[in-house]
Amino acid sequence: MLLSLLEIKVDTLADGMEQAYRTLEHISRLVPERDGDDPEDAIDGLAEQEDLVGKVRLCLMDGQRDLKFLYRQRSFLPDQRPLPYR
């Protein structure tokens, strides 16, 4: 059950990261085109996405620590064992 929850967490975070990159791509096209948008709006958008990406990264690192702990405790069934960490 814990592995299923971690999988859902990673999937949700991946979706958030994909959305952040789509938004960043959109902002990066607006700046050179100068579509009349205020440059401060673009900077605000970049800052928001950077904050989101940082939070997603921290959540993924928490999940990695969780998995490492479980791996050390030998809490996995043989078919659930993750690949060794580098």
PDB file of N, CA and C in Angstrom:
ATOM      1  N   MET A   1       0.828  -1.179   0.000  1.00  0.00           N
ATOM      2  CA  MET A   1       0.000   0.000   0.000  1.00  0.00           C
ATOM      3  C   MET A   1       0.881   1.254   0.000  1.00  0.00           C
ATOM      4  N   LEU A   2       1.950   1.240   0.802  1.00  0.00           N
ATOM      5  CA  LEU A   2       2.838   2.394   0.853  1.00  0.00           C
ATOM      6  C   LEU A   2       3.474   2.655  -0.502  1.00  0.00           C
ATOM      7  N   LEU A   3       3.869   1.594  -1.194  1.00  0.00           N
ATOM      8  CA  LEU A   3       4.451   1.772  -2.522  1.00  0.00           C
ATOM      9  C   LEU A   3       3.445   2.372  -3.498  1.00  0.00           C
ATOM     10  N   SER A   4       2.190   1.987  -3.378  1.00  0.00           N
ATOM     11  CA  SER A   4       1.149   2.565  -4.240  1.00  0.00           C
ATOM     12  C   SER A   4       0.979   4.052  -3.957  1.00  0.00           C
ATOM     13  N   LEU A   5       1.024   4.426  -2.686  1.00  0.00           N
ATOM     14  CA  LEU A   5       0.924   5.843  -2.335  1.00  0.00           C
ATOM     15  C   LEU A   5       2.116   6.637  -2.870  1.00  0.00           C
ATOM     16  N   LEU A   6       3.298   6.060  -2.755  1.00  0.00           N
ATOM     17  CA  LEU A   6       4.489   6.730  -3.284  1.00  0.00           C
ATOM     18  C   LEU A   6       4.403   6.863  -4.803  1.00  0.00           C
ATOM     19  N   GLU A   7       3.869   5.853  -5.462  1.00  0.00           N
ATOM     20  CA  GLU A   7       3.705   5.910  -6.917  1.00  0.00           C
ATOM     21  C   GLU A   7       2.736   7.022  -7.307  1.00  0.00           C
ATOM     22  N   ILE A   8       1.633   7.140  -6.574  1.00  0.00           N
ATOM     23  CA  ILE A   8       0.671   8.212  -6.837  1.00  0.00           C
ATOM     24  C   ILE A   8       1.321   9.571  -6.614  1.00  0.00           C
ATOM     25  N   LYS A   9       2.119   9.679  -5.554  1.00  0.00           N
ATOM     26  CA  LYS A   9       2.806  10.936  -5.260  1.00  0.00           C
ATOM     27  C   LYS A   9       3.733  11.319  -6.410  1.00  0.00           C
ATOM     28  N   VAL A  10       4.517  10.377  -6.887  1.00  0.00           N
ATOM     29  CA  VAL A  10       5.458  10.651  -7.976  1.00  0.00           C
ATOM     30  C   VAL A  10       4.705  11.023  -9.255  1.00  0.00           C
ATOM     31  N   ASP A  11       3.619  10.313  -9.560  1.00  0.00           N
ATOM     32  CA  ASP A  11       2.827  10.636 -10.748  1.00  0.00           C
ATOM     33  C   ASP A  11       2.260  12.050 -10.669  1.00  0.00           C
ATOM     34  N   THR A  12       1.742  12.419  -9.509  1.00  0.00           N
ATOM     35  CA  THR A  12       1.175  13.759  -9.317  1.00  0.00           C
ATOM     36  C   THR A  12       2.254  14.825  -9.449  1.00  0.00           C
ATOM     37  N   LEU A  13       3.416  14.579  -8.861  1.00  0.00           N
ATOM     38  CA  LEU A  13       4.516  15.532  -8.961  1.00  0.00           C
ATOM     39  C   LEU A  13       5.005  15.654 -10.397  1.00  0.00           C
ATOM     40  N   ALA A  14       5.049  14.546 -11.110  1.00  0.00           N
ATOM     41  CA  ALA A  14       5.471  14.583 -12.513  1.00  0.00           C
ATOM     42  C   ALA A  14       4.496  15.418 -13.346  1.00  0.00           C
ATOM     43  N   ASP A  15       3.200  15.277 -13.076  1.00  0.00           N
ATOM     44  CA  ASP A  15       2.205  16.092 -13.775  1.00  0.00           C
ATOM     45  C   ASP A  15       2.421  17.575 -13.486  1.00  0.00           C
ATOM     46  N   GLY A  16       2.696  17.902 -12.239  1.00  0.00           N
ATOM     47  CA  GLY A  16       2.954  19.296 -11.867  1.00  0.00           C
ATOM     48  C   GLY A  16       4.191  19.837 -12.547  1.00  0.00           C
ATOM     49  N   MET A  17       5.226  19.012 -12.639  1.00  0.00           N
ATOM     50  CA  MET A  17       6.464  19.423 -13.294  1.00  0.00           C
ATOM     51  C   MET A  17       6.230  19.642 -14.790  1.00  0.00           C
ATOM     52  N   GLU A  18       5.468  18.762 -15.425  1.00  0.00           N
ATOM     53  CA  GLU A  18       5.166  18.926 -16.844  1.00  0.00           C
ATOM     54  C   GLU A  18       4.416  20.230 -17.089  1.00  0.00           C
ATOM     55  N   GLN A  19       3.453  20.539 -16.226  1.00  0.00           N
ATOM     56  CA  GLN A  19       2.697  21.779 -16.375  1.00  0.00           C
ATOM     57  C   GLN A  19       3.609  22.988 -16.184  1.00  0.00           C
ATOM     58  N   ALA A  20       4.518  22.912 -15.234  1.00  0.00           N
ATOM     59  CA  ALA A  20       5.452  24.016 -15.006  1.00  0.00           C
ATOM     60  C   ALA A  20       6.313  24.249 -16.240  1.00  0.00           C
ATOM     61  N   TYR A  21       6.797  23.181 -16.865  1.00  0.00           N
ATOM     62  CA  TYR A  21       7.624  23.341 -18.056  1.00  0.00           C
ATOM     63  C   TYR A  21       6.818  23.879 -19.235  1.00  0.00           C
ATOM     64  N   ARG A  22       5.547  23.482 -19.354  1.00  0.00           N
ATOM     65  CA  ARG A  22       4.708  24.056 -20.414  1.00  0.00           C
ATOM     66  C   ARG A  22       4.530  25.558 -20.195  1.00  0.00           C
ATOM     67  N   THR A  23       4.316  25.952 -18.951  1.00  0.00           N
ATOM     68  CA  THR A  23       4.162  27.369 -18.636  1.00  0.00           C
ATOM     69  C   THR A  23       5.461  28.122 -18.909  1.00  0.00           C
ATOM     70  N   LEU A  24       6.587  27.543 -18.513  1.00  0.00           N
ATOM     71  CA  LEU A  24       7.876  28.179 -18.781  1.00  0.00           C
ATOM     72  C   LEU A  24       8.129  28.325 -20.279  1.00  0.00           C
ATOM     73  N   GLU A  25       7.749  27.333 -21.041  1.00  0.00           N
ATOM     74  CA  GLU A  25       7.910  27.401 -22.499  1.00  0.00           C
ATOM     75  C   GLU A  25       7.064  28.534 -23.073  1.00  0.00           C
ATOM     76  N   HIS A  26       5.846  28.663 -22.582  1.00  0.00           N
ATOM     77  CA  HIS A  26       4.959  29.745 -23.030  1.00  0.00           C
ATOM     78  C   HIS A  26       5.567  31.113 -22.699  1.00  0.00           C
ATOM     79  N   ILE A  27       6.061  31.271 -21.481  1.00  0.00           N
ATOM     80  CA  ILE A  27       6.655  32.544 -21.063  1.00  0.00           C
ATOM     81  C   ILE A  27       7.897  32.842 -21.899  1.00  0.00           C
ATOM     82  N   SER A  28       8.694  31.822 -22.170  1.00  0.00           N
ATOM     83  CA  SER A  28       9.931  32.048 -22.928  1.00  0.00           C
ATOM     84  C   SER A  28       9.639  32.515 -24.353  1.00  0.00           C
ATOM     85  N   ARG A  29       8.483  32.137 -24.901  1.00  0.00           N
ATOM     86  CA  ARG A  29       8.112  32.623 -26.241  1.00  0.00           C
ATOM     87  C   ARG A  29       7.578  34.041 -26.188  1.00  0.00           C
ATOM     88  N   LEU A  30       6.929  34.413 -25.094  1.00  0.00           N
ATOM     89  CA  LEU A  30       6.357  35.753 -24.990  1.00  0.00           C
ATOM     90  C   LEU A  30       7.417  36.833 -24.896  1.00  0.00           C
ATOM     91  N   VAL A  31       8.475  36.566 -24.170  1.00  0.00           N
ATOM     92  CA  VAL A  31       9.484  37.598 -23.928  1.00  0.00           C
ATOM     93  C   VAL A  31      10.107  38.094 -25.232  1.00  0.00           C
ATOM     94  N   PRO A  32      10.637  37.211 -26.112  1.00  0.00           N
ATOM     95  CA  PRO A  32      11.231  37.739 -27.347  1.00  0.00           C
ATOM     96  C   PRO A  32      10.214  38.368 -28.291  1.00  0.00           C
ATOM     97  N   GLU A  33       8.968  37.865 -28.280  1.00  0.00           N
ATOM     98  CA  GLU A  33       7.951  38.392 -29.189  1.00  0.00           C
ATOM     99  C   GLU A  33       7.430  39.738 -28.734  1.00  0.00           C
ATOM    100  N   ARG A  34       7.548  40.021 -27.453  1.00  0.00           N
ATOM    101  CA  ARG A  34       7.052  41.281 -26.878  1.00  0.00           C
ATOM    102  C   ARG A  34       5.616  41.555 -27.350  1.00  0.00           C
ATOM    103  N   ASP A  35       4.734  40.667 -26.996  1.00  0.00           N
ATOM    104  CA  ASP A  35       3.333  40.775 -27.404  1.00  0.00           C
ATOM    105  C   ASP A  35       2.587  41.861 -26.645  1.00  0.00           C
ATOM    106  N   GLY A  36       3.290  42.845 -26.175  1.00  0.00           N
ATOM    107  CA  GLY A  36       2.626  43.900 -25.419  1.00  0.00           C
ATOM    108  C   GLY A  36       2.479  43.552 -23.953  1.00  0.00           C
ATOM    109  N   ASP A  37       2.931  42.343 -23.570  1.00  0.00           N
ATOM    110  CA  ASP A  37       2.858  41.963 -22.161  1.00  0.00           C
ATOM    111  C   ASP A  37       3.901  42.735 -21.374  1.00  0.00           C
ATOM    112  N   ASP A  38       3.568  43.000 -20.166  1.00  0.00           N
ATOM    113  CA  ASP A  38       4.496  43.687 -19.270  1.00  0.00           C
ATOM    114  C   ASP A  38       5.636  42.726 -18.913  1.00  0.00           C
ATOM    115  N   PRO A  39       6.902  43.140 -19.072  1.00  0.00           N
ATOM    116  CA  PRO A  39       8.014  42.249 -18.717  1.00  0.00           C
ATOM    117  C   PRO A  39       7.974  41.808 -17.255  1.00  0.00           C
ATOM    118  N   GLU A  40       7.408  42.634 -16.394  1.00  0.00           N
ATOM    119  CA  GLU A  40       7.298  42.243 -14.987  1.00  0.00           C
ATOM    120  C   GLU A  40       6.389  41.038 -14.823  1.00  0.00           C
ATOM    121  N   ASP A  41       5.356  40.934 -15.659  1.00  0.00           N
ATOM    122  CA  ASP A  41       4.475  39.763 -15.608  1.00  0.00           C
ATOM    123  C   ASP A  41       5.250  38.500 -15.966  1.00  0.00           C
ATOM    124  N   ALA A  42       6.117  38.605 -16.971  1.00  0.00           N
ATOM    125  CA  ALA A  42       6.922  37.454 -17.368  1.00  0.00           C
ATOM    126  C   ALA A  42       7.870  37.059 -16.233  1.00  0.00           C
ATOM    127  N   ILE A  43       8.476  38.048 -15.596  1.00  0.00           N
ATOM    128  CA  ILE A  43       9.389  37.770 -14.487  1.00  0.00           C
ATOM    129  C   ILE A  43       8.632  37.137 -13.326  1.00  0.00           C
ATOM    130  N   ASP A  44       7.443  37.654 -13.035  1.00  0.00           N
ATOM    131  CA  ASP A  44       6.611  37.058 -11.976  1.00  0.00           C
ATOM    132  C   ASP A  44       6.269  35.609 -12.308  1.00  0.00           C
ATOM    133  N   GLY A  45       5.913  35.359 -13.571  1.00  0.00           N
ATOM    134  CA  GLY A  45       5.590  33.996 -13.989  1.00  0.00           C
ATOM    135  C   GLY A  45       6.779  33.064 -13.856  1.00  0.00           C
ATOM    136  N   LEU A  46       7.952  33.563 -14.239  1.00  0.00           N
ATOM    137  CA  LEU A  46       9.158  32.744 -14.096  1.00  0.00           C
ATOM    138  C   LEU A  46       9.440  32.430 -12.633  1.00  0.00           C
ATOM    139  N   ALA A  47       9.271  33.426 -11.772  1.00  0.00           N
ATOM    140  CA  ALA A  47       9.516  33.208 -10.339  1.00  0.00           C
ATOM    141  C   ALA A  47       8.535  32.188  -9.764  1.00  0.00           C
ATOM    142  N   GLU A  48       7.268  32.266 -10.170  1.00  0.00           N
ATOM    143  CA  GLU A  48       6.263  31.308  -9.684  1.00  0.00           C
ATOM    144  C   GLU A  48       6.617  29.887 -10.106  1.00  0.00           C
ATOM    145  N   GLN A  49       7.023  29.734 -11.378  1.00  0.00           N
ATOM    146  CA  GLN A  49       7.346  28.398 -11.869  1.00  0.00           C
ATOM    147  C   GLN A  49       8.618  27.866 -11.216  1.00  0.00           C
ATOM    148  N   GLU A  50       9.581  28.740 -10.986  1.00  0.00           N
ATOM    149  CA  GLU A  50      10.803  28.317 -10.301  1.00  0.00           C
ATOM    150  C   GLU A  50      10.479  27.829  -8.890  1.00  0.00           C
ATOM    151  N   ASP A  51       9.576  28.531  -8.215  1.00  0.00           N
ATOM    152  CA  ASP A  51       9.158  28.119  -6.872  1.00  0.00           C
ATOM    153  C   ASP A  51       8.473  26.756  -6.922  1.00  0.00           C
ATOM    154  N   LEU A  52       7.587  26.570  -7.899  1.00  0.00           N
ATOM    155  CA  LEU A  52       6.880  25.296  -8.044  1.00  0.00           C
ATOM    156  C   LEU A  52       7.858  24.153  -8.314  1.00  0.00           C
ATOM    157  N   VAL A  53       8.793  24.368  -9.225  1.00  0.00           N
ATOM    158  CA  VAL A  53       9.762  23.328  -9.554  1.00  0.00           C
ATOM    159  C   VAL A  53      10.616  22.986  -8.329  1.00  0.00           C
ATOM    160  N   GLY A  54      10.983  23.997  -7.548  1.00  0.00           N
ATOM    161  CA  GLY A  54      11.752  23.746  -6.326  1.00  0.00           C
ATOM    162  C   GLY A  54      10.977  22.908  -5.324  1.00  0.00           C
ATOM    163  N   LYS A  55       9.684  23.195  -5.184  1.00  0.00           N
ATOM    164  CA  LYS A  55       8.858  22.414  -4.254  1.00  0.00           C
ATOM    165  C   LYS A  55       8.699  20.972  -4.728  1.00  0.00           C
ATOM    166  N   VAL A  56       8.511  20.794  -6.027  1.00  0.00           N
ATOM    167  CA  VAL A  56       8.395  19.436  -6.573  1.00  0.00           C
ATOM    168  C   VAL A  56       9.685  18.667  -6.326  1.00  0.00           C
ATOM    169  N   ARG A  57      10.811  19.322  -6.551  1.00  0.00           N
ATOM    170  CA  ARG A  57      12.110  18.662  -6.323  1.00  0.00           C
ATOM    171  C   ARG A  57      12.255  18.219  -4.866  1.00  0.00           C
ATOM    172  N   LEU A  58      11.868  19.093  -3.925  1.00  0.00           N
ATOM    173  CA  LEU A  58      11.945  18.717  -2.506  1.00  0.00           C
ATOM    174  C   LEU A  58      11.051  17.519  -2.198  1.00  0.00           C
ATOM    175  N   CYS A  59       9.855  17.501  -2.769  1.00  0.00           N
ATOM    176  CA  CYS A  59       8.951  16.368  -2.545  1.00  0.00           C
ATOM    177  C   CYS A  59       9.526  15.079  -3.111  1.00  0.00           C
ATOM    178  N   LEU A  60      10.152  15.169  -4.285  1.00  0.00           N
ATOM    179  CA  LEU A  60      10.771  13.978  -4.868  1.00  0.00           C
ATOM    180  C   LEU A  60      11.937  13.492  -4.014  1.00  0.00           C
ATOM    181  N   MET A  61      12.698  14.427  -3.456  1.00  0.00           N
ATOM    182  CA  MET A  61      13.803  14.035  -2.580  1.00  0.00           C
ATOM    183  C   MET A  61      13.275  13.369  -1.319  1.00  0.00           C
ATOM    184  N   ASP A  62      12.143  13.839  -0.783  1.00  0.00           N
ATOM    185  CA  ASP A  62      11.522  13.185   0.369  1.00  0.00           C
ATOM    186  C   ASP A  62      11.127  11.754   0.014  1.00  0.00           C
ATOM    187  N   GLY A  63      10.547  11.577  -1.157  1.00  0.00           N
ATOM    188  CA  GLY A  63      10.163  10.238  -1.596  1.00  0.00           C
ATOM    189  C   GLY A  63      11.366   9.327  -1.762  1.00  0.00           C
ATOM    190  N   GLN A  64      12.443   9.881  -2.268  1.00  0.00           N
ATOM    191  CA  GLN A  64      13.664   9.090  -2.416  1.00  0.00           C
ATOM    192  C   GLN A  64      14.182   8.643  -1.050  1.00  0.00           C
ATOM    193  N   ARG A  65      14.150   9.548  -0.072  1.00  0.00           N
ATOM    194  CA  ARG A  65      14.586   9.173   1.285  1.00  0.00           C
ATOM    195  C   ARG A  65      13.679   8.091   1.859  1.00  0.00           C
ATOM    196  N   ASP A  66      12.369   8.206   1.615  1.00  0.00           N
ATOM    197  CA  ASP A  66      11.432   7.179   2.088  1.00  0.00           C
ATOM    198  C   ASP A  66      11.787   5.815   1.504  1.00  0.00           C
ATOM    199  N   LEU A  67      12.031   5.789   0.196  1.00  0.00           N
ATOM    200  CA  LEU A  67      12.355   4.522  -0.459  1.00  0.00           C
ATOM    201  C   LEU A  67      13.679   3.954   0.033  1.00  0.00           C
ATOM    202  N   LYS A  68      14.666   4.809   0.240  1.00  0.00           N
ATOM    203  CA  LYS A  68      15.950   4.331   0.766  1.00  0.00           C
ATOM    204  C   LYS A  68      15.778   3.724   2.149  1.00  0.00           C
ATOM    205  N   PHE A  69      14.949   4.362   2.991  1.00  0.00           N
ATOM    206  CA  PHE A  69      14.688   3.820   4.323  1.00  0.00           C
ATOM    207  C   PHE A  69      14.035   2.443   4.218  1.00  0.00           C
ATOM    208  N   LEU A  70      13.002   2.337   3.388  1.00  0.00           N
ATOM    209  CA  LEU A  70      12.321   1.059   3.231  1.00  0.00           C
ATOM    210  C   LEU A  70      13.270  -0.004   2.679  1.00  0.00           C
ATOM    211  N   TYR A  71      14.123   0.401   1.758  1.00  0.00           N
ATOM    212  CA  TYR A  71      15.079  -0.540   1.171  1.00  0.00           C
ATOM    213  C   TYR A  71      16.031  -1.071   2.242  1.00  0.00           C
ATOM    214  N   ARG A  72      16.509  -0.189   3.101  1.00  0.00           N
ATOM    215  CA  ARG A  72      17.422  -0.618   4.168  1.00  0.00           C
ATOM    216  C   ARG A  72      16.709  -1.528   5.177  1.00  0.00           C
ATOM    217  N   GLN A  73      15.411  -1.329   5.366  1.00  0.00           N
ATOM    218  CA  GLN A  73      14.658  -2.139   6.307  1.00  0.00           C
ATOM    219  C   GLN A  73      14.221  -3.478   5.703  1.00  0.00           C
ATOM    220  N   ARG A  74      14.537  -3.650   4.426  1.00  0.00           N
ATOM    221  CA  ARG A  74      14.153  -4.858   3.692  1.00  0.00           C
ATOM    222  C   ARG A  74      12.641  -5.076   3.744  1.00  0.00           C
ATOM    223  N   SER A  75      11.907  -3.982   3.506  1.00  0.00           N
ATOM    224  CA  SER A  75      10.448  -4.011   3.585  1.00  0.00           C
ATOM    225  C   SER A  75       9.786  -4.363   2.259  1.00  0.00           C
ATOM    226  N   PHE A  76      10.569  -4.675   1.249  1.00  0.00           N
ATOM    227  CA  PHE A  76      10.009  -4.972  -0.060  1.00  0.00           C
ATOM    228  C   PHE A  76       9.896  -6.470  -0.273  1.00  0.00           C
ATOM    229  N   LEU A  77       8.881  -6.864  -1.004  1.00  0.00           N
ATOM    230  CA  LEU A  77       8.805  -8.243  -1.481  1.00  0.00           C
ATOM    231  C   LEU A  77       9.804  -8.383  -2.619  1.00  0.00           C
ATOM    232  N   PRO A  78      10.228  -9.594  -2.940  1.00  0.00           N
ATOM    233  CA  PRO A  78      11.248  -9.755  -3.991  1.00  0.00           C
ATOM    234  C   PRO A  78      10.898  -9.066  -5.315  1.00  0.00           C
ATOM    235  N   ASP A  79       9.639  -9.100  -5.732  1.00  0.00           N
ATOM    236  CA  ASP A  79       9.272  -8.482  -7.013  1.00  0.00           C
ATOM    237  C   ASP A  79       9.098  -6.962  -6.909  1.00  0.00           C
ATOM    238  N   GLN A  80       9.187  -6.400  -5.715  1.00  0.00           N
ATOM    239  CA  GLN A  80       9.038  -4.958  -5.509  1.00  0.00           C
ATOM    240  C   GLN A  80      10.369  -4.258  -5.296  1.00  0.00           C
ATOM    241  N   ARG A  81      11.458  -5.008  -5.213  1.00  0.00           N
ATOM    242  CA  ARG A  81      12.750  -4.396  -4.874  1.00  0.00           C
ATOM    243  C   ARG A  81      13.161  -3.415  -5.960  1.00  0.00           C
ATOM    244  N   PRO A  82      13.526  -2.207  -5.527  1.00  0.00           N
ATOM    245  CA  PRO A  82      13.958  -1.204  -6.509  1.00  0.00           C
ATOM    246  C   PRO A  82      15.365  -1.503  -7.017  1.00  0.00           C
ATOM    247  N   LEU A  83      15.721  -0.831  -8.087  1.00  0.00           N
ATOM    248  CA  LEU A  83      17.084  -0.925  -8.580  1.00  0.00           C
ATOM    249  C   LEU A  83      18.007  -0.303  -7.554  1.00  0.00           C
ATOM    250  N   PRO A  84      19.223  -0.750  -7.450  1.00  0.00           N
ATOM    251  CA  PRO A  84      20.155  -0.156  -6.473  1.00  0.00           C
ATOM    252  C   PRO A  84      20.395   1.332  -6.774  1.00  0.00           C
ATOM    253  N   TYR A  85      20.528   2.097  -5.718  1.00  0.00           N
ATOM    254  CA  TYR A  85      20.821   3.525  -5.868  1.00  0.00           C
ATOM    255  C   TYR A  85      22.292   3.725  -6.103  1.00  0.00           C
ATOM    256  N   ARG A  86      22.596   4.755  -6.846  1.00  0.00           N
ATOM    257  CA  ARG A  86      24.009   5.097  -7.068  1.00  0.00           C
ATOM    258  C   ARG A  86      24.541   5.894  -5.931  1.00  0.00           C
TER     259      ARG A  86
END
